[in-house]
Protein backbone atom coordinates (compact mmCIF):
# COMPACT_ATOMS: atom_id res chain seq x y z
CA MET A 1 20.03 -24.92 57.97
CA THR A 2 20.59 -26.36 54.75
CA ALA A 3 21.36 -24.63 51.28
CA ASP A 4 19.69 -25.02 48.52
CA PRO A 5 21.27 -27.56 46.58
CA ARG A 6 20.29 -25.81 42.94
CA ALA A 7 21.44 -22.41 44.17
CA ALA A 8 24.65 -24.09 46.17
CA LEU A 9 25.55 -25.38 42.24
CA ASP A 10 24.76 -22.03 40.91
CA ARG A 11 27.20 -20.25 43.94
CA LEU A 12 29.97 -22.93 43.07
CA VAL A 13 29.74 -22.80 39.00
CA ALA A 14 29.94 -18.57 40.00
CA ALA A 15 33.11 -19.10 42.30
CA LEU A 16 34.80 -21.42 39.82
CA GLU A 17 34.43 -18.87 37.10
CA ALA A 18 35.47 -15.86 39.35
CA HIS A 19 38.84 -18.42 40.11
CA TYR A 20 39.54 -18.80 36.96
CA ASN A 21 39.14 -14.76 35.92
CA ALA A 22 41.24 -14.14 38.76
CA ILE A 23 44.01 -16.78 38.00
CA ALA A 24 44.09 -14.98 34.32
CA ALA A 25 44.69 -11.55 35.87
CA ARG A 26 47.00 -12.67 38.35
CA ARG A 27 49.50 -9.62 38.73
CA SER A 28 52.00 -11.29 40.79
CA ASP A 29 52.82 -14.52 42.70
CA ASP A 30 50.90 -13.28 46.01
CA ASP A 31 47.65 -11.57 44.25
CA PRO A 32 45.62 -11.19 46.68
CA ALA A 33 42.80 -11.23 44.21
CA VAL A 34 43.82 -14.75 43.66
CA ASP A 35 43.90 -15.38 47.32
CA ASP A 36 40.39 -14.15 47.64
CA ALA A 37 39.02 -16.36 44.70
CA TYR A 38 40.42 -19.38 46.22
CA ASP A 39 38.72 -18.71 49.31
CA VAL A 40 35.27 -18.06 47.93
CA LEU A 41 35.70 -21.19 45.85
CA ALA A 42 36.19 -23.18 48.75
CA ASP A 43 33.63 -21.73 50.70
CA ALA A 44 31.08 -22.04 47.78
CA PHE A 45 32.46 -25.96 47.17
CA GLU A 46 31.63 -26.81 51.18
CA VAL A 47 28.16 -25.05 50.60
CA TYR A 48 27.38 -27.54 47.67
CA ASP A 49 28.94 -30.73 49.14
CA GLU A 50 26.70 -30.03 52.46
CA ALA A 51 23.62 -29.19 50.43
CA VAL A 52 24.25 -32.38 48.30
CA LEU A 53 24.53 -34.55 50.97
CA GLN A 54 22.01 -33.18 53.02
CA SER A 55 19.32 -33.15 50.25
CA TYR A 56 19.86 -35.94 48.35
CA GLY A 57 22.16 -38.44 50.43
CA GLU A 58 25.37 -38.40 48.00
CA VAL A 59 28.73 -37.33 48.54
CA LEU A 60 30.86 -35.67 45.74
CA PRO A 61 34.17 -37.80 44.68
CA PHE A 62 36.70 -35.14 45.64
CA ALA A 63 37.43 -33.42 48.76
CA LEU A 64 39.15 -30.30 49.67
CA VAL A 65 42.63 -30.54 51.22
CA GLU A 66 43.49 -28.85 54.63
CA ASP A 67 45.51 -26.47 54.10
CA ASP A 68 48.21 -26.49 56.87
CA ASP A 69 50.61 -23.84 56.97
CA GLU A 70 52.13 -25.52 60.16
CA ASP A 71 52.70 -28.71 58.58
CA ASP A 72 55.13 -26.68 56.01
CA ASP A 73 57.07 -25.74 59.22
CA GLU A 74 57.80 -29.35 60.40
CA HIS A 75 58.77 -30.42 56.82
CA PRO A 76 60.75 -27.82 54.82
CA GLY A 77 61.92 -29.14 51.63
CA ASP A 78 59.42 -31.76 51.08
CA GLU A 79 58.13 -29.70 48.37
CA ASP A 80 56.54 -32.79 46.60
CA GLU A 81 53.88 -33.04 48.96
CA HIS A 82 51.93 -34.92 46.39
CA ASP A 83 52.82 -38.11 45.12
CA PHE A 84 51.35 -38.90 41.73
CA ASP A 85 53.30 -41.77 41.02
CA ASP A 86 50.77 -44.89 40.91
CA GLU A 87 53.73 -47.88 40.81
CA ASP A 88 53.19 -48.90 44.51
CA GLU A 89 49.28 -48.01 44.95
CA ASP A 90 46.42 -50.45 44.47
CA HIS A 91 43.98 -49.32 42.49
CA ASP A 92 39.62 -50.43 42.35
CA PHE A 93 39.21 -50.17 38.78
CA ASP A 94 39.57 -52.32 36.17
CA GLU A 95 42.61 -51.49 33.74
CA PRO A 96 43.12 -53.30 31.17
CA ALA A 97 46.48 -55.88 30.97
CA PHE A 98 48.83 -55.45 28.31
CA ARG A 99 51.59 -57.91 27.65
CA ALA A 100 54.32 -57.78 25.32
CA ASP A 101 54.79 -61.28 24.37
């Protein structure tokens, strides 16, 4: 059964606020309240994503990253998992080209 998109959005917004409150009040690096808020937020996002897709045929411009703890064991020391260096990536959007002539 598909959730009502508006209700799913309300739940997602509430989950975002709860997650913010949890991280703002964090008591330690491994605070269980933050972990719980993270899980609720991820679930609310998935429900909203599915509701929008089923009701309107729309997809969101982002997705959850799978949390694979086993992958961490395979590559110890590879903390820089995400490469944000855009030098070697092609983009499909138009950027103005500037030249220093």
